[in-house]
Amino acid sequence: MPFLGNAENIGKLLNRRNYYFVPMKQDNPITKPRSVVFDETYIIKTLEYALEGKQIEPILL
C-alpha cells in the first residue's frame, strides 16, 4: 500500500524541526478515501507562521 509509506514519511518530517506543512484535506472521499492534498488557501498563512517558527494547526482539515 503506497499510502502507508507516504504516511510514514510525513510522520518522520512532522517530528523534525524547521519543516512546516500546509494544511491538508481529503481529495475525493468517495473514490479515493485515503488521498489527501494540500489546501491552497492556506499557503500564505502557513508561510507567515513558518517565519515565526510555528506550524499552522490543524494540519488535517
N, C-alpha and C. Protein backbone atom coordinates (compact mmCIF):
# COMPACT_ATOMS: atom_id res chain seq x y z
N MET A 1 0.83 -1.19 0.00
CA MET A 1 0.00 0.00 0.00
C MET A 1 0.87 1.25 0.00
N PRO A 2 0.87 2.02 -1.06
CA PRO A 2 1.71 3.22 -1.14
C PRO A 2 1.39 4.24 -0.05
N PHE A 3 0.14 4.32 0.36
CA PHE A 3 -0.26 5.31 1.37
C PHE A 3 0.51 5.12 2.67
N LEU A 4 0.70 3.90 3.08
CA LEU A 4 1.37 3.64 4.34
C LEU A 4 2.80 4.17 4.32
N GLY A 5 3.49 4.00 3.21
CA GLY A 5 4.85 4.53 3.09
C GLY A 5 4.86 6.04 3.14
N ASN A 6 3.92 6.66 2.46
CA ASN A 6 3.83 8.12 2.47
C ASN A 6 3.50 8.65 3.86
N ALA A 7 2.58 7.99 4.54
CA ALA A 7 2.21 8.42 5.89
C ALA A 7 3.40 8.31 6.82
N GLU A 8 4.18 7.26 6.65
CA GLU A 8 5.38 7.08 7.48
C GLU A 8 6.36 8.23 7.25
N ASN A 9 6.58 8.58 6.00
CA ASN A 9 7.50 9.68 5.68
C ASN A 9 7.00 11.02 6.20
N ILE A 10 5.71 11.27 6.08
CA ILE A 10 5.13 12.51 6.60
C ILE A 10 5.29 12.55 8.12
N GLY A 11 5.05 11.42 8.77
CA GLY A 11 5.22 11.35 10.21
C GLY A 11 6.63 11.66 10.65
N LYS A 12 7.61 11.18 9.89
CA LYS A 12 9.02 11.47 10.21
C LYS A 12 9.30 12.97 10.08
N LEU A 13 8.78 13.59 9.04
CA LEU A 13 9.01 15.02 8.84
C LEU A 13 8.30 15.87 9.89
N LEU A 14 7.14 15.41 10.36
CA LEU A 14 6.41 16.15 11.39
C LEU A 14 7.22 16.26 12.68
N ASN A 15 8.09 15.30 12.91
CA ASN A 15 8.90 15.30 14.13
C ASN A 15 10.22 16.05 13.98
N ARG A 16 10.48 16.59 12.81
CA ARG A 16 11.73 17.33 12.58
C ARG A 16 11.49 18.82 12.72
N ARG A 17 12.54 19.51 13.09
CA ARG A 17 12.45 20.96 13.24
C ARG A 17 12.58 21.64 11.87
N ASN A 18 11.93 22.77 11.75
CA ASN A 18 12.01 23.63 10.56
C ASN A 18 11.41 23.01 9.30
N TYR A 19 10.47 22.09 9.46
CA TYR A 19 9.65 21.59 8.36
C TYR A 19 8.23 21.99 8.69
N TYR A 20 7.59 22.69 7.78
CA TYR A 20 6.24 23.21 8.03
C TYR A 20 5.31 22.71 6.94
N PHE A 21 4.11 22.32 7.33
CA PHE A 21 3.15 21.74 6.41
C PHE A 21 1.99 22.68 6.16
N VAL A 22 1.58 22.76 4.90
CA VAL A 22 0.34 23.44 4.53
C VAL A 22 -0.77 22.47 4.92
N PRO A 23 -1.84 22.94 5.58
CA PRO A 23 -2.92 22.04 5.96
C PRO A 23 -3.44 21.23 4.77
N MET A 24 -3.82 19.99 5.05
CA MET A 24 -4.27 19.06 4.01
C MET A 24 -5.74 18.74 4.22
N LYS A 25 -6.39 18.36 3.12
CA LYS A 25 -7.79 17.95 3.17
C LYS A 25 -7.96 16.73 2.27
N GLN A 26 -9.09 16.04 2.43
CA GLN A 26 -9.34 14.88 1.59
C GLN A 26 -9.53 15.31 0.15
N ASP A 27 -8.94 14.55 -0.74
CA ASP A 27 -9.02 14.83 -2.16
C ASP A 27 -10.40 14.48 -2.70
N ASN A 28 -10.77 13.23 -2.57
CA ASN A 28 -12.06 12.75 -3.04
C ASN A 28 -12.47 11.57 -2.15
N PRO A 29 -13.23 11.84 -1.09
CA PRO A 29 -13.52 10.79 -0.11
C PRO A 29 -14.31 9.60 -0.66
N ILE A 30 -15.01 9.78 -1.77
CA ILE A 30 -15.82 8.68 -2.32
C ILE A 30 -14.94 7.69 -3.08
N THR A 31 -14.16 8.17 -4.05
CA THR A 31 -13.37 7.26 -4.88
C THR A 31 -11.94 7.07 -4.38
N LYS A 32 -11.44 8.01 -3.56
CA LYS A 32 -10.08 7.90 -3.03
C LYS A 32 -10.10 8.24 -1.54
N PRO A 33 -10.60 7.33 -0.71
CA PRO A 33 -10.80 7.65 0.71
C PRO A 33 -9.51 7.92 1.49
N ARG A 34 -8.35 7.51 0.98
CA ARG A 34 -7.09 7.73 1.71
C ARG A 34 -6.23 8.83 1.09
N SER A 35 -6.77 9.53 0.11
CA SER A 35 -6.00 10.54 -0.60
C SER A 35 -6.18 11.92 0.05
N VAL A 36 -5.07 12.62 0.26
CA VAL A 36 -5.13 13.99 0.77
C VAL A 36 -4.30 14.91 -0.13
N VAL A 37 -4.71 16.16 -0.20
CA VAL A 37 -4.00 17.19 -0.95
C VAL A 37 -3.88 18.42 -0.05
N PHE A 38 -2.91 19.27 -0.33
CA PHE A 38 -2.78 20.48 0.47
C PHE A 38 -3.90 21.45 0.09
N ASP A 39 -4.29 22.28 1.04
CA ASP A 39 -5.33 23.28 0.81
C ASP A 39 -4.65 24.60 0.43
N GLU A 40 -4.72 24.92 -0.85
CA GLU A 40 -4.00 26.09 -1.38
C GLU A 40 -4.40 27.40 -0.74
N THR A 41 -5.56 27.47 -0.12
CA THR A 41 -5.98 28.72 0.53
C THR A 41 -5.14 29.03 1.77
N TYR A 42 -4.36 28.06 2.25
CA TYR A 42 -3.56 28.25 3.46
C TYR A 42 -2.06 28.49 3.19
N ILE A 43 -1.67 28.62 1.94
CA ILE A 43 -0.24 28.75 1.63
C ILE A 43 0.37 29.99 2.28
N ILE A 44 -0.22 31.16 2.09
CA ILE A 44 0.34 32.40 2.64
C ILE A 44 0.36 32.35 4.16
N LYS A 45 -0.75 31.91 4.76
CA LYS A 45 -0.83 31.84 6.21
C LYS A 45 0.22 30.86 6.77
N THR A 46 0.44 29.74 6.08
CA THR A 46 1.45 28.77 6.51
C THR A 46 2.84 29.38 6.45
N LEU A 47 3.13 30.15 5.41
CA LEU A 47 4.43 30.82 5.31
C LEU A 47 4.62 31.84 6.42
N GLU A 48 3.57 32.58 6.72
CA GLU A 48 3.66 33.57 7.81
C GLU A 48 3.96 32.89 9.14
N TYR A 49 3.26 31.80 9.41
CA TYR A 49 3.51 31.04 10.64
C TYR A 49 4.93 30.48 10.66
N ALA A 50 5.36 29.94 9.52
CA ALA A 50 6.69 29.33 9.45
C ALA A 50 7.78 30.37 9.74
N LEU A 51 7.60 31.59 9.27
CA LEU A 51 8.58 32.64 9.55
C LEU A 51 8.67 32.95 11.04
N GLU A 52 7.59 32.62 11.78
CA GLU A 52 7.59 32.80 13.23
C GLU A 52 8.01 31.50 13.95
N GLY A 53 8.34 30.47 13.17
CA GLY A 53 8.75 29.19 13.75
C GLY A 53 7.60 28.36 14.27
N LYS A 54 6.39 28.58 13.72
CA LYS A 54 5.20 27.87 14.20
C LYS A 54 4.57 27.06 13.07
N GLN A 55 3.96 25.95 13.44
CA GLN A 55 3.19 25.15 12.49
C GLN A 55 1.72 25.54 12.61
N ILE A 56 1.11 25.86 11.48
CA ILE A 56 -0.32 26.18 11.49
C ILE A 56 -1.10 24.91 11.85
N GLU A 57 -2.13 25.06 12.64
CA GLU A 57 -2.94 23.93 13.08
C GLU A 57 -4.39 24.16 12.69
N PRO A 58 -5.15 23.12 12.44
CA PRO A 58 -4.76 21.72 12.35
C PRO A 58 -4.11 21.42 11.01
N ILE A 59 -3.33 20.38 10.95
CA ILE A 59 -2.66 20.01 9.71
C ILE A 59 -3.65 19.28 8.79
N LEU A 60 -4.53 18.48 9.36
CA LEU A 60 -5.57 17.81 8.58
C LEU A 60 -6.90 18.49 8.84
N LEU A 61 -7.52 18.99 7.77
CA LEU A 61 -8.81 19.69 7.90
C LEU A 61 -9.97 18.75 7.73
